[in-house]
N, C-alpha and C. Protein backbone atom coordinates (compact mmCIF):
# COMPACT_ATOMS: atom_id res chain seq x y z
N GLY A 1 118.97 72.12 52.86
CA GLY A 1 120.20 72.86 52.86
C GLY A 1 121.41 71.97 52.74
N GLY A 2 122.56 72.60 52.84
CA GLY A 2 123.82 71.90 52.71
C GLY A 2 124.08 70.85 53.77
N LEU A 3 123.67 71.13 55.00
CA LEU A 3 123.89 70.17 56.08
C LEU A 3 123.11 68.89 55.83
N GLU A 4 121.87 69.02 55.42
CA GLU A 4 121.04 67.84 55.19
C GLU A 4 121.62 66.97 54.08
N LYS A 5 122.07 67.61 53.00
CA LYS A 5 122.67 66.86 51.89
C LYS A 5 123.91 66.11 52.36
N PHE A 6 124.79 66.81 53.07
CA PHE A 6 126.00 66.19 53.58
C PHE A 6 125.66 65.01 54.49
N TYR A 7 124.77 65.23 55.43
CA TYR A 7 124.42 64.21 56.42
C TYR A 7 123.77 62.99 55.75
N ASP A 8 122.89 63.24 54.79
CA ASP A 8 122.23 62.14 54.09
C ASP A 8 123.19 61.35 53.22
N ARG A 9 124.17 62.02 52.61
CA ARG A 9 125.13 61.34 51.73
C ARG A 9 126.21 60.61 52.50
N LEU A 10 126.41 60.96 53.74
CA LEU A 10 127.48 60.38 54.54
C LEU A 10 127.20 58.91 54.83
N ARG A 11 128.15 58.04 54.51
CA ARG A 11 127.95 56.61 54.71
C ARG A 11 128.47 56.11 56.06
N LEU A 12 128.78 57.03 56.95
CA LEU A 12 129.15 56.64 58.31
C LEU A 12 127.89 56.39 59.12
N PRO A 13 127.97 55.50 60.13
CA PRO A 13 126.81 55.30 61.01
C PRO A 13 126.43 56.60 61.71
N LYS A 14 125.14 56.76 61.93
CA LYS A 14 124.65 57.99 62.54
C LYS A 14 123.97 57.68 63.87
N GLY A 15 124.24 58.51 64.86
CA GLY A 15 123.63 58.36 66.17
C GLY A 15 124.53 58.90 67.24
N PRO A 16 124.01 59.01 68.47
CA PRO A 16 124.84 59.49 69.57
C PRO A 16 125.88 58.45 69.95
N SER A 17 126.99 58.89 70.47
CA SER A 17 128.07 57.98 70.85
C SER A 17 128.21 57.93 72.36
N PHE A 18 128.30 56.73 72.86
CA PHE A 18 128.53 56.52 74.29
C PHE A 18 129.69 55.55 74.46
N GLY A 19 130.85 55.92 73.92
CA GLY A 19 132.04 55.10 74.07
C GLY A 19 132.12 53.92 73.12
N MET A 20 131.58 54.06 71.93
CA MET A 20 131.61 52.99 70.94
C MET A 20 132.99 52.93 70.28
N THR A 21 133.28 51.81 69.63
CA THR A 21 134.52 51.70 68.87
C THR A 21 134.30 52.04 67.40
N THR A 22 133.05 52.29 67.03
CA THR A 22 132.69 52.63 65.66
C THR A 22 132.51 54.15 65.55
N THR A 23 132.97 54.71 64.44
CA THR A 23 132.77 56.14 64.21
C THR A 23 131.28 56.42 64.04
N LEU A 24 130.82 57.46 64.72
CA LEU A 24 129.42 57.88 64.63
C LEU A 24 129.36 59.39 64.46
N ILE A 25 128.33 59.85 63.77
CA ILE A 25 128.11 61.28 63.61
C ILE A 25 126.66 61.58 63.94
N CYS A 26 126.43 62.71 64.57
CA CYS A 26 125.06 63.07 64.92
C CYS A 26 124.90 64.59 64.91
N PRO A 27 123.66 65.06 64.68
CA PRO A 27 123.38 66.50 64.76
C PRO A 27 123.30 66.89 66.23
N PHE A 28 124.40 67.31 66.79
CA PHE A 28 124.55 67.48 68.23
C PHE A 28 123.51 68.39 68.85
N MET A 29 123.26 69.54 68.26
CA MET A 29 122.33 70.49 68.87
C MET A 29 120.92 69.92 68.94
N TYR A 30 120.54 69.08 67.98
CA TYR A 30 119.20 68.49 68.01
C TYR A 30 119.08 67.44 69.11
N LEU A 31 120.17 66.85 69.50
CA LEU A 31 120.15 65.87 70.59
C LEU A 31 120.29 66.52 71.95
N ALA A 32 121.18 67.48 72.05
CA ALA A 32 121.50 68.07 73.35
C ALA A 32 120.65 69.29 73.69
N HIS A 33 120.23 70.02 72.68
CA HIS A 33 119.52 71.29 72.92
C HIS A 33 118.34 71.45 71.96
N TYR A 34 117.50 70.44 71.89
CA TYR A 34 116.37 70.46 70.96
C TYR A 34 115.49 71.69 71.18
N ASP A 35 115.32 72.07 72.43
CA ASP A 35 114.48 73.23 72.74
C ASP A 35 115.03 74.51 72.12
N LEU A 36 116.35 74.58 71.97
CA LEU A 36 116.95 75.79 71.41
C LEU A 36 116.85 75.84 69.89
N VAL A 37 116.93 74.69 69.23
CA VAL A 37 116.93 74.70 67.76
C VAL A 37 115.52 74.69 67.17
N THR A 38 114.51 74.62 68.02
CA THR A 38 113.14 74.53 67.51
C THR A 38 112.29 75.75 67.84
N THR A 39 112.89 76.76 68.45
CA THR A 39 112.12 77.96 68.78
C THR A 39 112.90 79.20 68.34
N PRO A 40 112.20 80.25 67.95
CA PRO A 40 112.89 81.49 67.59
C PRO A 40 113.75 82.03 68.73
N ALA A 41 113.26 81.96 69.96
CA ALA A 41 114.03 82.46 71.10
C ALA A 41 115.29 81.61 71.30
N GLY A 42 115.16 80.31 71.12
CA GLY A 42 116.31 79.43 71.26
C GLY A 42 117.35 79.68 70.19
N LEU A 43 116.90 79.87 68.96
CA LEU A 43 117.83 80.16 67.86
C LEU A 43 118.53 81.49 68.10
N ALA A 44 117.82 82.46 68.65
CA ALA A 44 118.44 83.75 68.98
C ALA A 44 119.50 83.57 70.06
N GLU A 45 119.21 82.71 71.04
CA GLU A 45 120.18 82.44 72.11
C GLU A 45 121.44 81.78 71.54
N LEU A 46 121.24 80.81 70.65
CA LEU A 46 122.39 80.16 70.01
C LEU A 46 123.21 81.17 69.22
N SER A 47 122.53 82.02 68.46
CA SER A 47 123.21 83.03 67.67
C SER A 47 124.01 83.98 68.56
N ALA A 48 123.41 84.41 69.66
CA ALA A 48 124.11 85.31 70.58
C ALA A 48 125.34 84.64 71.19
N SER A 49 125.28 83.32 71.32
CA SER A 49 126.42 82.56 71.86
C SER A 49 127.39 82.13 70.77
N ARG A 50 127.08 82.53 69.53
CA ARG A 50 127.89 82.18 68.36
C ARG A 50 127.98 80.67 68.16
N LEU A 51 126.86 79.97 68.41
CA LEU A 51 126.78 78.53 68.21
C LEU A 51 125.88 78.26 67.00
N ASP A 52 126.37 77.44 66.09
CA ASP A 52 125.62 77.10 64.89
C ASP A 52 124.63 75.98 65.22
N PRO A 53 123.34 76.15 64.93
CA PRO A 53 122.38 75.09 65.22
C PRO A 53 122.62 73.83 64.38
N ASP A 54 123.41 73.95 63.32
CA ASP A 54 123.72 72.80 62.48
C ASP A 54 125.01 72.09 62.90
N LEU A 55 125.45 72.31 64.11
CA LEU A 55 126.68 71.68 64.61
C LEU A 55 126.55 70.16 64.59
N LEU A 56 127.53 69.50 63.99
CA LEU A 56 127.58 68.04 63.98
C LEU A 56 128.66 67.58 64.94
N ARG A 57 128.41 66.46 65.59
CA ARG A 57 129.42 65.86 66.47
C ARG A 57 129.92 64.59 65.80
N LEU A 58 131.21 64.53 65.55
CA LEU A 58 131.85 63.36 64.96
C LEU A 58 132.67 62.68 66.04
N CYS A 59 132.28 61.46 66.37
CA CYS A 59 133.01 60.66 67.36
C CYS A 59 133.80 59.62 66.58
N VAL A 60 135.10 59.76 66.57
CA VAL A 60 135.97 58.91 65.76
C VAL A 60 136.18 57.58 66.46
N GLY A 61 135.98 56.50 65.71
CA GLY A 61 136.14 55.15 66.24
C GLY A 61 137.50 54.57 65.92
N CYS A 62 137.54 53.26 65.85
CA CYS A 62 138.81 52.54 65.66
C CYS A 62 139.07 52.14 64.22
N GLU A 63 138.22 52.56 63.29
CA GLU A 63 138.46 52.23 61.89
C GLU A 63 139.72 52.93 61.40
N PRO A 64 140.31 52.43 60.32
CA PRO A 64 141.45 53.16 59.75
C PRO A 64 141.03 54.58 59.39
N VAL A 65 141.85 55.54 59.75
CA VAL A 65 141.51 56.95 59.54
C VAL A 65 141.26 57.26 58.07
N GLU A 66 141.92 56.56 57.18
CA GLU A 66 141.72 56.78 55.74
C GLU A 66 140.27 56.51 55.34
N GLU A 67 139.64 55.50 55.94
CA GLU A 67 138.24 55.19 55.63
C GLU A 67 137.31 56.31 56.08
N ILE A 68 137.59 56.88 57.23
CA ILE A 68 136.77 57.96 57.75
C ILE A 68 136.92 59.20 56.87
N ILE A 69 138.16 59.54 56.53
CA ILE A 69 138.42 60.70 55.68
C ILE A 69 137.77 60.52 54.31
N GLU A 70 137.84 59.31 53.76
CA GLU A 70 137.23 59.04 52.46
C GLU A 70 135.71 59.23 52.53
N ALA A 71 135.08 58.73 53.57
CA ALA A 71 133.63 58.86 53.71
C ALA A 71 133.23 60.33 53.83
N LEU A 72 133.99 61.10 54.60
CA LEU A 72 133.71 62.54 54.74
C LEU A 72 133.89 63.26 53.41
N GLY A 73 134.96 62.92 52.69
CA GLY A 73 135.21 63.53 51.38
C GLY A 73 134.12 63.24 50.38
N GLU A 74 133.63 62.00 50.36
CA GLU A 74 132.54 61.64 49.44
C GLU A 74 131.28 62.45 49.74
N ALA A 75 130.97 62.61 51.02
CA ALA A 75 129.76 63.34 51.40
C ALA A 75 129.88 64.83 51.08
N LEU A 76 131.09 65.36 51.13
CA LEU A 76 131.31 66.78 50.83
C LEU A 76 131.35 67.08 49.34
N ALA A 77 131.61 66.05 48.52
CA ALA A 77 131.75 66.24 47.07
C ALA A 77 130.45 66.63 46.40
């Protein structure tokens, strides 16, 4: 799907962030709520809560903002 293409094309580092100075992006629901995104009941619960299972978490680091915006734009193109 579209999320996978975007995520794979994105040249930003990927992984969970724990106070890093580098920008990182991760598929948040798969890290925080794996049980919900892997079962029909969990997906129904997310839907009822109006939460998208494809939610990404972008933790912005100390790089120039133009570099981050450029990387996001390239992945969306």
